[in-house]
All heavy atoms as atom14 arrays in JSON, in Angstrom:
{
  "sequence": "KQVYNAAKRHVTRLVQAAKTSFFSTKIMESKS",
  "atom14_mask": [
    [1, 1, 1, 1, 1, 1, 1, 1, 1, 0, 0, 0, 0, 0],
    [1, 1, 1, 1, 1, 1, 1, 1, 1, 0, 0, 0, 0, 0],
    [1, 1, 1, 1, 1, 1, 1, 0, 0, 0, 0, 0, 0, 0],
    [1, 1, 1, 1, 1, 1, 1, 1, 1, 1, 1, 1, 0, 0],
    [1, 1, 1, 1, 1, 1, 1, 1, 0, 0, 0, 0, 0, 0],
    [1, 1, 1, 1, 1, 0, 0, 0, 0, 0, 0, 0, 0, 0],
    [1, 1, 1, 1, 1, 0, 0, 0, 0, 0, 0, 0, 0, 0],
    [1, 1, 1, 1, 1, 1, 1, 1, 1, 0, 0, 0, 0, 0],
    [1, 1, 1, 1, 1, 1, 1, 1, 1, 1, 1, 0, 0, 0],
    [1, 1, 1, 1, 1, 1, 1, 1, 1, 1, 0, 0, 0, 0],
    [1, 1, 1, 1, 1, 1, 1, 0, 0, 0, 0, 0, 0, 0],
    [1, 1, 1, 1, 1, 1, 1, 0, 0, 0, 0, 0, 0, 0],
    [1, 1, 1, 1, 1, 1, 1, 1, 1, 1, 1, 0, 0, 0],
    [1, 1, 1, 1, 1, 1, 1, 1, 0, 0, 0, 0, 0, 0],
    [1, 1, 1, 1, 1, 1, 1, 0, 0, 0, 0, 0, 0, 0],
    [1, 1, 1, 1, 1, 1, 1, 1, 1, 0, 0, 0, 0, 0],
    [1, 1, 1, 1, 1, 0, 0, 0, 0, 0, 0, 0, 0, 0],
    [1, 1, 1, 1, 1, 0, 0, 0, 0, 0, 0, 0, 0, 0],
    [1, 1, 1, 1, 1, 1, 1, 1, 1, 0, 0, 0, 0, 0],
    [1, 1, 1, 1, 1, 1, 1, 0, 0, 0, 0, 0, 0, 0],
    [1, 1, 1, 1, 1, 1, 0, 0, 0, 0, 0, 0, 0, 0],
    [1, 1, 1, 1, 1, 1, 1, 1, 1, 1, 1, 0, 0, 0],
    [1, 1, 1, 1, 1, 1, 1, 1, 1, 1, 1, 0, 0, 0],
    [1, 1, 1, 1, 1, 1, 0, 0, 0, 0, 0, 0, 0, 0],
    [1, 1, 1, 1, 1, 1, 1, 0, 0, 0, 0, 0, 0, 0],
    [1, 1, 1, 1, 1, 1, 1, 1, 1, 0, 0, 0, 0, 0],
    [1, 1, 1, 1, 1, 1, 1, 1, 0, 0, 0, 0, 0, 0],
    [1, 1, 1, 1, 1, 1, 1, 1, 0, 0, 0, 0, 0, 0],
    [1, 1, 1, 1, 1, 1, 1, 1, 1, 0, 0, 0, 0, 0],
    [1, 1, 1, 1, 1, 1, 0, 0, 0, 0, 0, 0, 0, 0],
    [1, 1, 1, 1, 1, 1, 1, 1, 1, 0, 0, 0, 0, 0],
    [1, 1, 1, 1, 1, 1, 0, 0, 0, 0, 0, 0, 0, 0]
  ],
  "atom14_positions": [
    [[95.55, 252.52, 65.26], [95.44, 251.71, 66.47], [96.26, 250.43, 66.34], [96.9, 249.98, 67.29], [93.98, 251.39, 66.76], [93.78, 250.6, 68.05], [92.31, 250.29, 68.34], [92.17, 249.53, 69.64], [90.75, 249.22, 69.95], [0.0, 0.0, 0.0], [0.0, 0.0, 0.0], [0.0, 0.0, 0.0], [0.0, 0.0, 0.0], [0.0, 0.0, 0.0]],
    [[96.23, 249.82, 65.14], [97.0, 248.6, 64.91], [98.5, 248.88, 65.01], [99.26, 248.08, 65.57], [96.64, 248.03, 63.53], [95.22, 247.49, 63.45], [94.84, 247.11, 62.02], [95.5, 247.52, 61.05], [93.76, 246.34, 61.88], [0.0, 0.0, 0.0], [0.0, 0.0, 0.0], [0.0, 0.0, 0.0], [0.0, 0.0, 0.0], [0.0, 0.0, 0.0]],
    [[98.92, 250.04, 64.47], [100.34, 250.42, 64.58], [100.72, 250.61, 66.04], [101.8, 250.18, 66.49], [100.62, 251.69, 63.76], [102.03, 252.22, 64.03], [100.42, 251.43, 62.27], [0.0, 0.0, 0.0], [0.0, 0.0, 0.0], [0.0, 0.0, 0.0], [0.0, 0.0, 0.0], [0.0, 0.0, 0.0], [0.0, 0.0, 0.0], [0.0, 0.0, 0.0]],
    [[99.83, 251.27, 66.8], [100.09, 251.5, 68.22], [100.19, 250.17, 68.98], [101.11, 249.97, 69.8], [98.99, 252.37, 68.81], [99.0, 252.46, 70.32], [100.14, 252.86, 71.01], [97.87, 252.14, 71.06], [100.16, 252.94, 72.4], [97.87, 252.2, 72.45], [99.02, 252.6, 73.11], [99.03, 252.68, 74.48], [0.0, 0.0, 0.0], [0.0, 0.0, 0.0]],
    [[99.3, 249.23, 68.72], [99.33, 247.92, 69.4], [100.61, 247.16, 69.07], [101.2, 246.5, 69.93], [98.1, 247.09, 69.01], [96.83, 247.61, 69.66], [96.89, 248.26, 70.7], [95.68, 247.32, 69.06], [0.0, 0.0, 0.0], [0.0, 0.0, 0.0], [0.0, 0.0, 0.0], [0.0, 0.0, 0.0], [0.0, 0.0, 0.0], [0.0, 0.0, 0.0]],
    [[101.05, 247.25, 67.81], [102.3, 246.59, 67.42], [103.49, 247.21, 68.16], [104.4, 246.5, 68.6], [102.49, 246.7, 65.91], [0.0, 0.0, 0.0], [0.0, 0.0, 0.0], [0.0, 0.0, 0.0], [0.0, 0.0, 0.0], [0.0, 0.0, 0.0], [0.0, 0.0, 0.0], [0.0, 0.0, 0.0], [0.0, 0.0, 0.0], [0.0, 0.0, 0.0]],
    [[103.47, 248.55, 68.32], [104.54, 249.22, 69.05], [104.54, 248.81, 70.52], [105.59, 248.64, 71.13], [104.39, 250.74, 68.92], [0.0, 0.0, 0.0], [0.0, 0.0, 0.0], [0.0, 0.0, 0.0], [0.0, 0.0, 0.0], [0.0, 0.0, 0.0], [0.0, 0.0, 0.0], [0.0, 0.0, 0.0], [0.0, 0.0, 0.0], [0.0, 0.0, 0.0]],
    [[103.34, 248.66, 71.09], [103.24, 248.21, 72.49], [103.83, 246.82, 72.66], [104.57, 246.56, 73.61], [101.77, 248.2, 72.94], [101.22, 249.55, 73.31], [99.97, 249.44, 74.2], [98.9, 248.59, 73.56], [97.69, 248.53, 74.4], [0.0, 0.0, 0.0], [0.0, 0.0, 0.0], [0.0, 0.0, 0.0], [0.0, 0.0, 0.0], [0.0, 0.0, 0.0]],
    [[103.49, 245.91, 71.73], [104.01, 244.54, 71.82], [105.53, 244.52, 71.7], [106.22, 243.76, 72.38], [103.36, 243.66, 70.75], [101.89, 243.34, 71.02], [101.4, 242.23, 70.1], [101.4, 242.65, 68.71], [100.36, 243.24, 68.1], [99.25, 243.49, 68.79], [100.43, 243.58, 66.82], [0.0, 0.0, 0.0], [0.0, 0.0, 0.0], [0.0, 0.0, 0.0]],
    [[106.06, 245.38, 70.84], [107.51, 245.44, 70.65], [108.2, 245.92, 71.93], [109.22, 245.35, 72.35], [107.84, 246.39, 69.48], [109.3, 246.52, 69.2], [110.11, 245.43, 68.93], [110.12, 247.61, 69.17], [111.35, 245.83, 68.73], [111.39, 247.16, 68.87], [0.0, 0.0, 0.0], [0.0, 0.0, 0.0], [0.0, 0.0, 0.0], [0.0, 0.0, 0.0]],
    [[107.65, 246.94, 72.57], [108.21, 247.43, 73.83], [108.14, 246.35, 74.9], [109.1, 246.14, 75.67], [107.49, 248.71, 74.3], [107.89, 249.07, 75.72], [107.8, 249.86, 73.36], [0.0, 0.0, 0.0], [0.0, 0.0, 0.0], [0.0, 0.0, 0.0], [0.0, 0.0, 0.0], [0.0, 0.0, 0.0], [0.0, 0.0, 0.0], [0.0, 0.0, 0.0]],
    [[107.03, 245.64, 74.97], [106.86, 244.58, 75.97], [107.92, 243.5, 75.8], [108.51, 243.02, 76.77], [105.46, 243.96, 75.87], [104.48, 244.98, 76.11], [105.28, 242.83, 76.89], [0.0, 0.0, 0.0], [0.0, 0.0, 0.0], [0.0, 0.0, 0.0], [0.0, 0.0, 0.0], [0.0, 0.0, 0.0], [0.0, 0.0, 0.0], [0.0, 0.0, 0.0]],
    [[108.18, 243.12, 74.52], [109.21, 242.1, 74.27], [110.59, 242.59, 74.69], [111.38, 241.85, 75.28], [109.2, 241.71, 72.79], [108.02, 240.85, 72.37], [108.25, 240.25, 70.99], [108.28, 241.28, 69.96], [107.22, 241.7, 69.28], [106.02, 241.16, 69.54], [107.32, 242.63, 68.35], [0.0, 0.0, 0.0], [0.0, 0.0, 0.0], [0.0, 0.0, 0.0]],
    [[110.89, 243.86, 74.38], [112.19, 244.41, 74.75], [112.36, 244.5, 76.27], [113.43, 244.2, 76.8], [112.37, 245.79, 74.13], [112.57, 245.84, 72.6], [112.69, 247.29, 72.14], [113.82, 245.05, 72.2], [0.0, 0.0, 0.0], [0.0, 0.0, 0.0], [0.0, 0.0, 0.0], [0.0, 0.0, 0.0], [0.0, 0.0, 0.0], [0.0, 0.0, 0.0]],
    [[111.29, 244.91, 76.97], [111.35, 244.99, 78.44], [111.56, 243.61, 79.04], [112.37, 243.43, 79.96], [110.06, 245.64, 79.0], [109.98, 245.47, 80.52], [110.0, 247.11, 78.63], [0.0, 0.0, 0.0], [0.0, 0.0, 0.0], [0.0, 0.0, 0.0], [0.0, 0.0, 0.0], [0.0, 0.0, 0.0], [0.0, 0.0, 0.0], [0.0, 0.0, 0.0]],
    [[110.83, 242.62, 78.51], [110.97, 241.26, 79.03], [112.39, 240.74, 78.8], [112.99, 240.11, 79.68], [109.96, 240.33, 78.36], [109.92, 238.92, 78.93], [109.56, 238.9, 80.4], [108.61, 239.54, 80.81], [110.33, 238.18, 81.2], [0.0, 0.0, 0.0], [0.0, 0.0, 0.0], [0.0, 0.0, 0.0], [0.0, 0.0, 0.0], [0.0, 0.0, 0.0]],
    [[112.93, 241.01, 77.62], [114.3, 240.56, 77.32], [115.3, 241.26, 78.23], [116.26, 240.64, 78.71], [114.62, 240.83, 75.85], [0.0, 0.0, 0.0], [0.0, 0.0, 0.0], [0.0, 0.0, 0.0], [0.0, 0.0, 0.0], [0.0, 0.0, 0.0], [0.0, 0.0, 0.0], [0.0, 0.0, 0.0], [0.0, 0.0, 0.0], [0.0, 0.0, 0.0]],
    [[115.09, 242.56, 78.5], [116.01, 243.31, 79.37], [115.95, 242.77, 80.79], [116.98, 242.61, 81.45], [115.65, 244.79, 79.33], [0.0, 0.0, 0.0], [0.0, 0.0, 0.0], [0.0, 0.0, 0.0], [0.0, 0.0, 0.0], [0.0, 0.0, 0.0], [0.0, 0.0, 0.0], [0.0, 0.0, 0.0], [0.0, 0.0, 0.0], [0.0, 0.0, 0.0]],
    [[114.75, 242.48, 81.28], [114.6, 241.93, 82.63], [115.25, 240.56, 82.74], [115.94, 240.24, 83.71], [113.13, 241.85, 83.02], [112.48, 243.18, 83.33], [111.04, 243.0, 83.79], [110.41, 244.32, 84.2], [109.02, 244.15, 84.66], [0.0, 0.0, 0.0], [0.0, 0.0, 0.0], [0.0, 0.0, 0.0], [0.0, 0.0, 0.0], [0.0, 0.0, 0.0]],
    [[115.03, 239.74, 81.71], [115.62, 238.39, 81.71], [117.14, 238.47, 81.76], [117.79, 237.77, 82.54], [115.17, 237.61, 80.46], [113.74, 237.5, 80.47], [115.8, 236.23, 80.43], [0.0, 0.0, 0.0], [0.0, 0.0, 0.0], [0.0, 0.0, 0.0], [0.0, 0.0, 0.0], [0.0, 0.0, 0.0], [0.0, 0.0, 0.0], [0.0, 0.0, 0.0]],
    [[117.7, 239.34, 80.92], [119.15, 239.5, 80.89], [119.67, 240.04, 82.23], [120.68, 239.56, 82.75], [119.54, 240.46, 79.76], [120.92, 240.73, 79.77], [0.0, 0.0, 0.0], [0.0, 0.0, 0.0], [0.0, 0.0, 0.0], [0.0, 0.0, 0.0], [0.0, 0.0, 0.0], [0.0, 0.0, 0.0], [0.0, 0.0, 0.0], [0.0, 0.0, 0.0]],
    [[118.97, 241.03, 82.78], [119.41, 241.66, 84.03], [119.43, 240.64, 85.17], [120.43, 240.49, 85.88], [118.46, 242.81, 84.37], [118.74, 243.46, 85.7], [119.76, 244.38, 85.85], [117.97, 243.13, 86.81], [120.01, 244.98, 87.08], [118.21, 243.71, 88.05], [119.23, 244.64, 88.17], [0.0, 0.0, 0.0], [0.0, 0.0, 0.0], [0.0, 0.0, 0.0]],
    [[118.32, 239.91, 85.36], [118.25, 238.99, 86.49], [119.11, 237.74, 86.27], [119.62, 237.17, 87.22], [116.8, 238.61, 86.78], [116.04, 239.69, 87.49], [115.06, 240.41, 86.85], [116.32, 240.0, 88.82], [114.36, 241.42, 87.51], [115.64, 241.0, 89.48], [114.65, 241.71, 88.82], [0.0, 0.0, 0.0], [0.0, 0.0, 0.0], [0.0, 0.0, 0.0]],
    [[119.27, 237.34, 85.01], [120.17, 236.21, 84.74], [121.59, 236.56, 85.16], [122.29, 235.75, 85.77], [120.14, 235.84, 83.26], [118.86, 235.38, 82.89], [0.0, 0.0, 0.0], [0.0, 0.0, 0.0], [0.0, 0.0, 0.0], [0.0, 0.0, 0.0], [0.0, 0.0, 0.0], [0.0, 0.0, 0.0], [0.0, 0.0, 0.0], [0.0, 0.0, 0.0]],
    [[122.0, 237.79, 84.83], [123.34, 238.24, 85.23], [123.46, 238.31, 86.75], [124.47, 237.89, 87.33], [123.63, 239.62, 84.62], [123.52, 239.53, 83.19], [125.03, 240.09, 85.0], [0.0, 0.0, 0.0], [0.0, 0.0, 0.0], [0.0, 0.0, 0.0], [0.0, 0.0, 0.0], [0.0, 0.0, 0.0], [0.0, 0.0, 0.0], [0.0, 0.0, 0.0]],
    [[122.42, 238.83, 87.41], [122.42, 238.92, 88.88], [122.55, 237.53, 89.5], [123.28, 237.34, 90.48], [121.14, 239.59, 89.37], [121.1, 241.09, 89.16], [121.97, 241.79, 90.19], [121.82, 243.3, 90.12], [122.67, 243.98, 91.11], [0.0, 0.0, 0.0], [0.0, 0.0, 0.0], [0.0, 0.0, 0.0], [0.0, 0.0, 0.0], [0.0, 0.0, 0.0]],
    [[121.82, 236.58, 88.97], [121.85, 235.21, 89.51], [123.23, 234.6, 89.32], [123.79, 233.99, 90.23], [120.75, 234.35, 88.84], [119.38, 234.8, 89.33], [120.98, 232.87, 89.13], [118.23, 234.18, 88.57], [0.0, 0.0, 0.0], [0.0, 0.0, 0.0], [0.0, 0.0, 0.0], [0.0, 0.0, 0.0], [0.0, 0.0, 0.0], [0.0, 0.0, 0.0]],
    [[123.81, 234.79, 88.13], [125.12, 234.22, 87.86], [126.2, 234.86, 88.72], [127.2, 234.22, 89.08], [125.47, 234.39, 86.38], [124.59, 233.6, 85.44], [124.67, 231.82, 85.74], [126.36, 231.5, 85.28], [0.0, 0.0, 0.0], [0.0, 0.0, 0.0], [0.0, 0.0, 0.0], [0.0, 0.0, 0.0], [0.0, 0.0, 0.0], [0.0, 0.0, 0.0]],
    [[126.03, 236.13, 89.09], [127.04, 236.84, 89.86], [126.81, 236.72, 91.37], [127.59, 237.29, 92.14], [127.04, 238.32, 89.46], [127.54, 238.56, 88.04], [127.5, 240.03, 87.65], [126.89, 240.82, 88.41], [128.04, 240.38, 86.59], [0.0, 0.0, 0.0], [0.0, 0.0, 0.0], [0.0, 0.0, 0.0], [0.0, 0.0, 0.0], [0.0, 0.0, 0.0]],
    [[125.77, 236.01, 91.78], [125.5, 235.86, 93.22], [126.65, 235.14, 93.9], [127.09, 234.07, 93.45], [124.21, 235.07, 93.43], [123.11, 235.78, 92.94], [0.0, 0.0, 0.0], [0.0, 0.0, 0.0], [0.0, 0.0, 0.0], [0.0, 0.0, 0.0], [0.0, 0.0, 0.0], [0.0, 0.0, 0.0], [0.0, 0.0, 0.0], [0.0, 0.0, 0.0]],
    [[127.15, 235.72, 94.97], [128.29, 235.16, 95.68], [127.9, 234.38, 96.92], [128.75, 233.81, 97.59], [129.26, 236.28, 96.07], [129.87, 237.0, 94.86], [130.83, 238.08, 95.29], [131.44, 238.78, 94.09], [132.37, 239.87, 94.49], [0.0, 0.0, 0.0], [0.0, 0.0, 0.0], [0.0, 0.0, 0.0], [0.0, 0.0, 0.0], [0.0, 0.0, 0.0]],
    [[126.62, 234.36, 97.24], [126.17, 233.62, 98.42], [124.74, 233.17, 98.21], [124.01, 233.7, 97.36], [126.25, 234.51, 99.68], [125.3, 235.56, 99.6], [0.0, 0.0, 0.0], [0.0, 0.0, 0.0], [0.0, 0.0, 0.0], [0.0, 0.0, 0.0], [0.0, 0.0, 0.0], [0.0, 0.0, 0.0], [0.0, 0.0, 0.0], [0.0, 0.0, 0.0]]
  ]
}
């Protein structure tokens, strides 16, 4: 269970980083 919880936290961090990168790029590329 502890291994599973650690894997969940790792996925959550990666998803958050991916979303941050995605929307940061979208904001920087906004033309209007």
